[in-house]
PDB file of N, CA and C in Angstrom:
ATOM      1  N   MET A   1      81.133 140.858  51.595  1.00  0.00           N
ATOM      2  CA  MET A   1      81.759 140.225  50.199  1.00  0.00           C
ATOM      3  C   MET A   1      82.736 139.271  49.704  1.00  0.00           C
ATOM      4  N   TYR A   2      82.596 138.114  49.384  1.00  0.00           N
ATOM      5  CA  TYR A   2      83.145 137.556  49.158  1.00  0.00           C
ATOM      6  C   TYR A   2      84.207 137.588  48.000  1.00  0.00           C
ATOM      7  N   GLN A   3      85.759 137.686  48.416  1.00  0.00           N
ATOM      8  CA  GLN A   3      86.559 137.484  47.001  1.00  0.00           C
ATOM      9  C   GLN A   3      86.284 136.800  45.859  1.00  0.00           C
ATOM     10  N   ASP A   4      85.838 135.258  46.543  1.00  0.00           N
ATOM     11  CA  ASP A   4      86.807 134.444  45.622  1.00  0.00           C
ATOM     12  C   ASP A   4      84.969 134.009  45.190  1.00  0.00           C
ATOM     13  N   LEU A   5      84.149 133.959  44.371  1.00  0.00           N
ATOM     14  CA  LEU A   5      82.715 133.269  44.561  1.00  0.00           C
ATOM     15  C   LEU A   5      82.794 131.396  44.965  1.00  0.00           C
ATOM     16  N   LYS A   6      83.891 131.088  44.257  1.00  0.00           N
ATOM     17  CA  LYS A   6      84.024 129.719  44.695  1.00  0.00           C
ATOM     18  C   LYS A   6      83.763 129.446  45.934  1.00  0.00           C
ATOM     19  N   GLU A   7      84.382 130.401  47.138  1.00  0.00           N
ATOM     20  CA  GLU A   7      84.604 129.887  48.242  1.00  0.00           C
ATOM     21  C   GLU A   7      83.352 129.960  48.928  1.00  0.00           C
ATOM     22  N   ALA A   8      81.965 130.810  48.316  1.00  0.00           N
ATOM     23  CA  ALA A   8      81.140 130.854  48.699  1.00  0.00           C
ATOM     24  C   ALA A   8      80.097 129.332  48.323  1.00  0.00           C
ATOM     25  N   LEU A   9      80.558 128.653  47.760  1.00  0.00           N
ATOM     26  CA  LEU A   9      79.579 127.432  46.945  1.00  0.00           C
ATOM     27  C   LEU A   9      79.468 126.722  48.190  1.00  0.00           C
ATOM     28  N   LEU A  10      78.378 125.855  48.258  1.00  0.00           N
ATOM     29  CA  LEU A  10      78.899 124.726  49.639  1.00  0.00           C
ATOM     30  C   LEU A  10      79.379 123.200  48.857  1.00  0.00           C
ATOM     31  N   GLN A  11      80.128 122.548  49.792  1.00  0.00           N
ATOM     32  CA  GLN A  11      80.641 121.750  48.840  1.00  0.00           C
ATOM     33  C   GLN A  11      80.278 120.535  49.721  1.00  0.00           C
ATOM     34  N   LYS A  12      79.640 119.275  49.615  1.00  0.00           N
ATOM     35  CA  LYS A  12      78.765 118.330  50.216  1.00  0.00           C
ATOM     36  C   LYS A  12      79.608 117.076  49.959  1.00  0.00           C
ATOM     37  N   ARG A  13      80.098 116.471  51.634  1.00  0.00           N
ATOM     38  CA  ARG A  13      80.502 115.347  51.871  1.00  0.00           C
ATOM     39  C   ARG A  13      80.240 114.491  52.385  1.00  0.00           C
ATOM     40  N   SER A  14      79.923 113.104  52.507  1.00  0.00           N
ATOM     41  CA  SER A  14      79.480 112.428  53.117  1.00  0.00           C
ATOM     42  C   SER A  14      79.768 111.850  54.333  1.00  0.00           C
ATOM     43  N   VAL A  15      79.520 111.340  55.451  1.00  0.00           N
ATOM     44  CA  VAL A  15      79.711 110.799  56.860  1.00  0.00           C
ATOM     45  C   VAL A  15      78.910 109.977  57.029  1.00  0.00           C
ATOM     46  N   SER A  16      79.265 108.992  58.284  1.00  0.00           N
ATOM     47  CA  SER A  16      78.399 108.133  58.985  1.00  0.00           C
ATOM     48  C   SER A  16      78.895 108.683  60.382  1.00  0.00           C
ATOM     49  N   LEU A  17      77.105 108.516  60.518  1.00  0.00           N
ATOM     50  CA  LEU A  17      77.026 108.991  62.234  1.00  0.00           C
ATOM     51  C   LEU A  17      75.876 108.076  62.669  1.00  0.00           C
ATOM     52  N   LEU A  18      76.718 107.326  63.678  1.00  0.00           N
ATOM     53  CA  LEU A  18      75.832 106.907  64.216  1.00  0.00           C
ATOM     54  C   LEU A  18      75.168 105.658  63.474  1.00  0.00           C
ATOM     55  N   GLY A  19      76.212 104.916  62.754  1.00  0.00           N
ATOM     56  CA  GLY A  19      75.952 104.035  61.821  1.00  0.00           C
ATOM     57  C   GLY A  19      74.799 104.439  60.622  1.00  0.00           C
ATOM     58  N   HIS A  20      74.427 105.123  60.309  1.00  0.00           N
ATOM     59  CA  HIS A  20      74.069 105.894  59.408  1.00  0.00           C
ATOM     60  C   HIS A  20      74.662 106.989  58.157  1.00  0.00           C
ATOM     61  N   LYS A  21      74.595 106.918  56.922  1.00  0.00           N
ATOM     62  CA  LYS A  21      75.320 107.842  56.082  1.00  0.00           C
ATOM     63  C   LYS A  21      74.700 109.039  56.067  1.00  0.00           C
ATOM     64  N   THR A  22      74.881 110.553  55.952  1.00  0.00           N
ATOM     65  CA  THR A  22      74.258 111.757  55.712  1.00  0.00           C
ATOM     66  C   THR A  22      75.500 112.271  55.146  1.00  0.00           C
ATOM     67  N   SER A  23      74.629 113.586  54.203  1.00  0.00           N
ATOM     68  CA  SER A  23      75.948 114.291  53.702  1.00  0.00           C
ATOM     69  C   SER A  23      75.754 115.495  54.653  1.00  0.00           C
ATOM     70  N   VAL A  24      77.052 116.681  54.325  1.00  0.00           N
ATOM     71  CA  VAL A  24      77.090 117.530  55.055  1.00  0.00           C
ATOM     72  C   VAL A  24      77.563 118.675  54.140  1.00  0.00           C
ATOM     73  N   ALA A  25      76.768 119.598  53.832  1.00  0.00           N
ATOM     74  CA  ALA A  25      77.327 120.559  53.169  1.00  0.00           C
ATOM     75  C   ALA A  25      77.765 121.664  53.889  1.00  0.00           C
ATOM     76  N   LEU A  26      79.231 122.625  53.470  1.00  0.00           N
ATOM     77  CA  LEU A  26      79.756 123.703  54.059  1.00  0.00           C
ATOM     78  C   LEU A  26      80.798 123.927  53.301  1.00  0.00           C
ATOM     79  N   GLU A  27      81.297 125.303  53.009  1.00  0.00           N
ATOM     80  CA  GLU A  27      81.308 126.272  52.159  1.00  0.00           C
ATOM     81  C   GLU A  27      83.009 125.714  52.357  1.00  0.00           C
ATOM     82  N   SER A  28      83.855 125.992  51.632  1.00  0.00           N
ATOM     83  CA  SER A  28      85.075 124.993  51.707  1.00  0.00           C
ATOM     84  C   SER A  28      86.163 125.720  52.678  1.00  0.00           C
ATOM     85  N   PRO A  29      85.737 126.971  52.918  1.00  0.00           N
ATOM     86  CA  PRO A  29      87.254 127.440  54.405  1.00  0.00           C
ATOM     87  C   PRO A  29      86.577 127.136  55.094  1.00  0.00           C
ATOM     88  N   PHE A  30      85.657 126.614  55.929  1.00  0.00           N
ATOM     89  CA  PHE A  30      84.630 125.561  57.048  1.00  0.00           C
ATOM     90  C   PHE A  30      85.538 124.209  56.680  1.00  0.00           C
ATOM     91  N   TRP A  31      85.680 123.502  55.516  1.00  0.00           N
ATOM     92  CA  TRP A  31      85.819 122.495  55.394  1.00  0.00           C
ATOM     93  C   TRP A  31      87.376 122.422  55.880  1.00  0.00           C
ATOM     94  N   ASN A  32      88.221 123.254  55.143  1.00  0.00           N
ATOM     95  CA  ASN A  32      89.942 123.535  55.913  1.00  0.00           C
ATOM     96  C   ASN A  32      90.246 123.652  57.047  1.00  0.00           C
ATOM     97  N   VAL A  33      89.244 124.473  57.958  1.00  0.00           N
ATOM     98  CA  VAL A  33      89.450 125.142  59.129  1.00  0.00           C
ATOM     99  C   VAL A  33      89.559 123.291  60.024  1.00  0.00           C
ATOM    100  N   LEU A  34      88.403 122.653  59.579  1.00  0.00           N
ATOM    101  CA  LEU A  34      87.871 121.092  60.171  1.00  0.00           C
ATOM    102  C   LEU A  34      88.969 120.446  59.796  1.00  0.00           C
ATOM    103  N   GLU A  35      89.104 120.234  58.658  1.00  0.00           N
ATOM    104  CA  GLU A  35      90.324 119.600  58.548  1.00  0.00           C
ATOM    105  C   GLU A  35      91.625 119.756  59.496  1.00  0.00           C
ATOM    106  N   GLU A  36      91.737 120.930  59.357  1.00  0.00           N
ATOM    107  CA  GLU A  36      93.602 121.441  59.652  1.00  0.00           C
ATOM    108  C   GLU A  36      93.129 121.148  61.783  1.00  0.00           C
ATOM    109  N   ALA A  37      91.735 121.469  62.205  1.00  0.00           N
ATOM    110  CA  ALA A  37      91.948 121.202  63.801  1.00  0.00           C
ATOM    111  C   ALA A  37      91.577 119.750  63.659  1.00  0.00           C
ATOM    112  N   ALA A  38      91.483 118.731  62.632  1.00  0.00           N
ATOM    113  CA  ALA A  38      91.533 117.012  62.946  1.00  0.00           C
ATOM    114  C   ALA A  38      92.836 116.961  62.996  1.00  0.00           C
ATOM    115  N   LYS A  39      93.958 117.294  62.247  1.00  0.00           N
ATOM    116  CA  LYS A  39      94.975 117.030  61.977  1.00  0.00           C
ATOM    117  C   LYS A  39      95.633 117.472  63.829  1.00  0.00           C
ATOM    118  N   ASP A  40      95.354 118.593  63.939  1.00  0.00           N
ATOM    119  CA  ASP A  40      96.206 118.765  65.142  1.00  0.00           C
ATOM    120  C   ASP A  40      96.089 117.801  66.290  1.00  0.00           C
ATOM    121  N   GLN A  41      94.359 117.563  66.128  1.00  0.00           N
ATOM    122  CA  GLN A  41      93.746 116.407  67.326  1.00  0.00           C
ATOM    123  C   GLN A  41      94.578 115.278  67.100  1.00  0.00           C
ATOM    124  N   GLY A  42      94.952 115.281  66.200  1.00  0.00           N
ATOM    125  CA  GLY A  42      95.525 113.596  65.479  1.00  0.00           C
ATOM    126  C   GLY A  42      94.243 112.462  65.615  1.00  0.00           C
ATOM    127  N   VAL A  43      93.305 113.607  64.879  1.00  0.00           N
ATOM    128  CA  VAL A  43      92.284 112.340  64.449  1.00  0.00           C
ATOM    129  C   VAL A  43      91.828 112.444  63.151  1.00  0.00           C
ATOM    130  N   SER A  44      91.058 111.586  62.476  1.00  0.00           N
ATOM    131  CA  SER A  44      90.039 112.184  61.387  1.00  0.00           C
ATOM    132  C   SER A  44      89.325 112.762  61.062  1.00  0.00           C
ATOM    133  N   LEU A  45      89.221 113.293  59.978  1.00  0.00           N
ATOM    134  CA  LEU A  45      87.863 114.305  59.813  1.00  0.00           C
ATOM    135  C   LEU A  45      86.876 113.805  60.628  1.00  0.00           C
ATOM    136  N   SER A  46      86.328 112.444  59.825  1.00  0.00           N
ATOM    137  CA  SER A  46      85.051 111.913  59.692  1.00  0.00           C
ATOM    138  C   SER A  46      85.047 111.584  61.650  1.00  0.00           C
ATOM    139  N   GLN A  47      86.598 111.246  62.692  1.00  0.00           N
ATOM    140  CA  GLN A  47      86.138 110.794  64.189  1.00  0.00           C
ATOM    141  C   GLN A  47      85.539 112.558  64.633  1.00  0.00           C
ATOM    142  N   LEU A  48      86.138 113.478  64.106  1.00  0.00           N
ATOM    143  CA  LEU A  48      86.509 114.916  64.386  1.00  0.00           C
ATOM    144  C   LEU A  48      84.556 115.763  64.145  1.00  0.00           C
ATOM    145  N   ILE A  49      84.235 115.212  63.379  1.00  0.00           N
ATOM    146  CA  ILE A  49      82.718 115.432  62.954  1.00  0.00           C
ATOM    147  C   ILE A  49      81.679 114.528  64.156  1.00  0.00           C
ATOM    148  N   ARG A  50      82.176 113.351  64.507  1.00  0.00           N
ATOM    149  CA  ARG A  50      81.469 112.478  65.179  1.00  0.00           C
ATOM    150  C   ARG A  50      81.529 113.266  66.563  1.00  0.00           C
ATOM    151  N   ASP A  51      82.438 113.708  67.372  1.00  0.00           N
ATOM    152  CA  ASP A  51      82.648 114.208  68.101  1.00  0.00           C
ATOM    153  C   ASP A  51      81.879 115.268  68.375  1.00  0.00           C
ATOM    154  N   ILE A  52      82.052 116.457  67.269  1.00  0.00           N
ATOM    155  CA  ILE A  52      80.774 117.268  67.185  1.00  0.00           C
ATOM    156  C   ILE A  52      79.376 117.086  67.333  1.00  0.00           C
ATOM    157  N   ASP A  53      79.189 116.095  66.450  1.00  0.00           N
ATOM    158  CA  ASP A  53      77.856 115.361  66.253  1.00  0.00           C
ATOM    159  C   ASP A  53      77.368 115.354  67.357  1.00  0.00           C
ATOM    160  N   GLY A  54      78.047 114.926  68.517  1.00  0.00           N
ATOM    161  CA  GLY A  54      77.547 114.308  69.652  1.00  0.00           C
ATOM    162  C   GLY A  54      77.343 115.150  70.081  1.00  0.00           C
ATOM    163  N   GLY A  55      77.822 116.055  70.463  1.00  0.00           N
ATOM    164  CA  GLY A  55      77.459 117.452  71.355  1.00  0.00           C
ATOM    165  C   GLY A  55      76.643 118.548  71.010  1.00  0.00           C
ATOM    166  N   ARG A  56      76.063 118.225  69.451  1.00  0.00           N
ATOM    167  CA  ARG A  56      75.338 119.625  69.205  1.00  0.00           C
ATOM    168  C   ARG A  56      74.005 119.720  69.640  1.00  0.00           C
ATOM    169  N   LYS A  57      73.123 120.663  69.261  1.00  0.00           N
ATOM    170  CA  LYS A  57      72.324 121.097  70.236  1.00  0.00           C
ATOM    171  C   LYS A  57      71.170 121.289  68.958  1.00  0.00           C
ATOM    172  N   GLY A  58      71.632 122.108  67.526  1.00  0.00           N
ATOM    173  CA  GLY A  58      71.101 122.404  66.560  1.00  0.00           C
ATOM    174  C   GLY A  58      71.446 121.735  65.198  1.00  0.00           C
ATOM    175  N   SER A  59      71.451 121.930  63.961  1.00  0.00           N
ATOM    176  CA  SER A  59      71.890 121.178  63.042  1.00  0.00           C
ATOM    177  C   SER A  59      73.305 120.929  62.767  1.00  0.00           C
ATOM    178  N   LEU A  60      73.955 120.001  62.282  1.00  0.00           N
ATOM    179  CA  LEU A  60      75.037 119.776  62.044  1.00  0.00           C
ATOM    180  C   LEU A  60      75.578 120.811  61.388  1.00  0.00           C
ATOM    181  N   SER A  61      75.534 121.002  60.362  1.00  0.00           N
ATOM    182  CA  SER A  61      76.603 121.880  59.441  1.00  0.00           C
ATOM    183  C   SER A  61      76.560 123.327  60.614  1.00  0.00           C
ATOM    184  N   SER A  62      75.407 123.367  61.277  1.00  0.00           N
ATOM    185  CA  SER A  62      75.319 124.673  62.136  1.00  0.00           C
ATOM    186  C   SER A  62      76.426 124.742  63.120  1.00  0.00           C
ATOM    187  N   ALA A  63      76.733 123.023  63.716  1.00  0.00           N
ATOM    188  CA  ALA A  63      77.468 122.975  64.801  1.00  0.00           C
ATOM    189  C   ALA A  63      79.109 123.005  64.386  1.00  0.00           C
ATOM    190  N   LEU A  64      78.896 122.439  62.965  1.00  0.00           N
ATOM    191  CA  LEU A  64      80.523 122.406  62.128  1.00  0.00           C
ATOM    192  C   LEU A  64      80.814 123.882  61.965  1.00  0.00           C
ATOM    193  N   ARG A  65      79.937 124.720  61.570  1.00  0.00           N
ATOM    194  CA  ARG A  65      80.365 126.031  61.142  1.00  0.00           C
ATOM    195  C   ARG A  65      80.891 126.945  62.881  1.00  0.00           C
ATOM    196  N   LEU A  66      80.250 126.437  63.535  1.00  0.00           N
ATOM    197  CA  LEU A  66      79.767 127.434  65.032  1.00  0.00           C
ATOM    198  C   LEU A  66      81.639 126.436  65.704  1.00  0.00           C
ATOM    199  N   TYR A  67      81.730 125.258  65.402  1.00  0.00           N
ATOM    200  CA  TYR A  67      83.297 124.850  65.876  1.00  0.00           C
ATOM    201  C   TYR A  67      84.420 125.401  65.345  1.00  0.00           C
ATOM    202  N   ALA A  68      84.392 125.310  63.809  1.00  0.00           N
ATOM    203  CA  ALA A  68      85.546 126.037  62.866  1.00  0.00           C
ATOM    204  C   ALA A  68      85.567 127.476  63.627  1.00  0.00           C
ATOM    205  N   LEU A  69      84.648 128.094  63.993  1.00  0.00           N
ATOM    206  CA  LEU A  69      84.812 129.663  64.021  1.00  0.00           C
ATOM    207  C   LEU A  69      85.559 129.530  65.664  1.00  0.00           C
ATOM    208  N   LYS A  70      85.264 128.862  66.274  1.00  0.00           N
ATOM    209  CA  LYS A  70      85.873 128.864  67.627  1.00  0.00           C
ATOM    210  C   LYS A  70      86.943 128.142  67.891  1.00  0.00           C
ATOM    211  N   TYR A  71      87.424 127.647  66.929  1.00  0.00           N
ATOM    212  CA  TYR A  71      88.945 126.587  66.912  1.00  0.00           C
ATOM    213  C   TYR A  71      89.695 127.953  66.134  1.00  0.00           C
ATOM    214  N   VAL A  72      89.035 128.813  65.212  1.00  0.00           N
ATOM    215  CA  VAL A  72      89.967 129.947  64.364  1.00  0.00           C
ATOM    216  C   VAL A  72      90.096 131.037  65.409  1.00  0.00           C
ATOM    217  N   GLN A  73      89.008 131.162  66.214  1.00  0.00           N
ATOM    218  CA  GLN A  73      88.940 132.521  67.265  1.00  0.00           C
ATOM    219  C   GLN A  73      90.654 132.013  68.400  1.00  0.00           C
ATOM    220  N   GLU A  74      90.060 130.826  68.873  1.00  0.00           N
ATOM    221  CA  GLU A  74      91.392 130.270  69.979  1.00  0.00           C
ATOM    222  C   GLU A  74      92.616 130.239  69.573  1.00  0.00           C
ATOM    223  N   ASN A  75      92.320 130.177  68.467  1.00  0.00           N
ATOM    224  CA  ASN A  75      94.057 129.778  67.769  1.00  0.00           C
ATOM    225  C   ASN A  75      94.634 130.844  67.021  1.00  0.00           C
ATOM    226  N   ASN A  76      94.130 132.188  66.690  1.00  0.00           N
ATOM    227  CA  ASN A  76      94.228 133.383  66.254  1.00  0.00           C
ATOM    228  C   ASN A  76      94.468 133.314  64.849  1.00  0.00           C
ATOM    229  N   LEU A  77      93.924 132.238  63.992  1.00  0.00           N
ATOM    230  CA  LEU A  77      93.806 132.173  63.083  1.00  0.00           C
ATOM    231  C   LEU A  77      92.943 132.928  62.171  1.00  0.00           C
ATOM    232  N   LEU A  78      93.548 133.309  60.638  1.00  0.00           N
ATOM    233  CA  LEU A  78      92.714 133.600  59.851  1.00  0.00           C
ATOM    234  C   LEU A  78      92.051 132.423  59.342  1.00  0.00           C
ATOM    235  N   LEU A  79      90.789 132.430  58.588  1.00  0.00           N
ATOM    236  CA  LEU A  79      90.205 131.602  57.745  1.00  0.00           C
ATOM    237  C   LEU A  79      91.153 131.377  56.262  1.00  0.00           C
ATOM    238  N   ARG A  80      91.848 130.217  55.654  1.00  0.00           N
ATOM    239  CA  ARG A  80      92.602 130.414  54.571  1.00  0.00           C
ATOM    240  C   ARG A  80      91.575 129.012  53.459  1.00  0.00           C
ATOM    241  N   THR A  81      91.873 129.612  52.207  1.00  0.00           N
ATOM    242  CA  THR A  81      91.068 128.218  51.562  1.00  0.00           C
ATOM    243  C   THR A  81      91.955 127.507  50.944  1.00  0.00           C
TER     244      THR A  81
END
């Protein structure tokens, strides 16, 4: 159960992948983790998303969530909002 229902709301962001604009909808805690991961790697969030997109097998939103989960697990972090 969510403590804060705002965390459960999807936030859409536009990204450009292979020259095509698309939008991705994720919950804010996932965006926060992805932003932190990008910062830690010294790349932009857009570049991180392009990198994840290049290796995905399923949907982009699922790939981003799974990447964020793996990042949190590997760095022993808690999801923060």
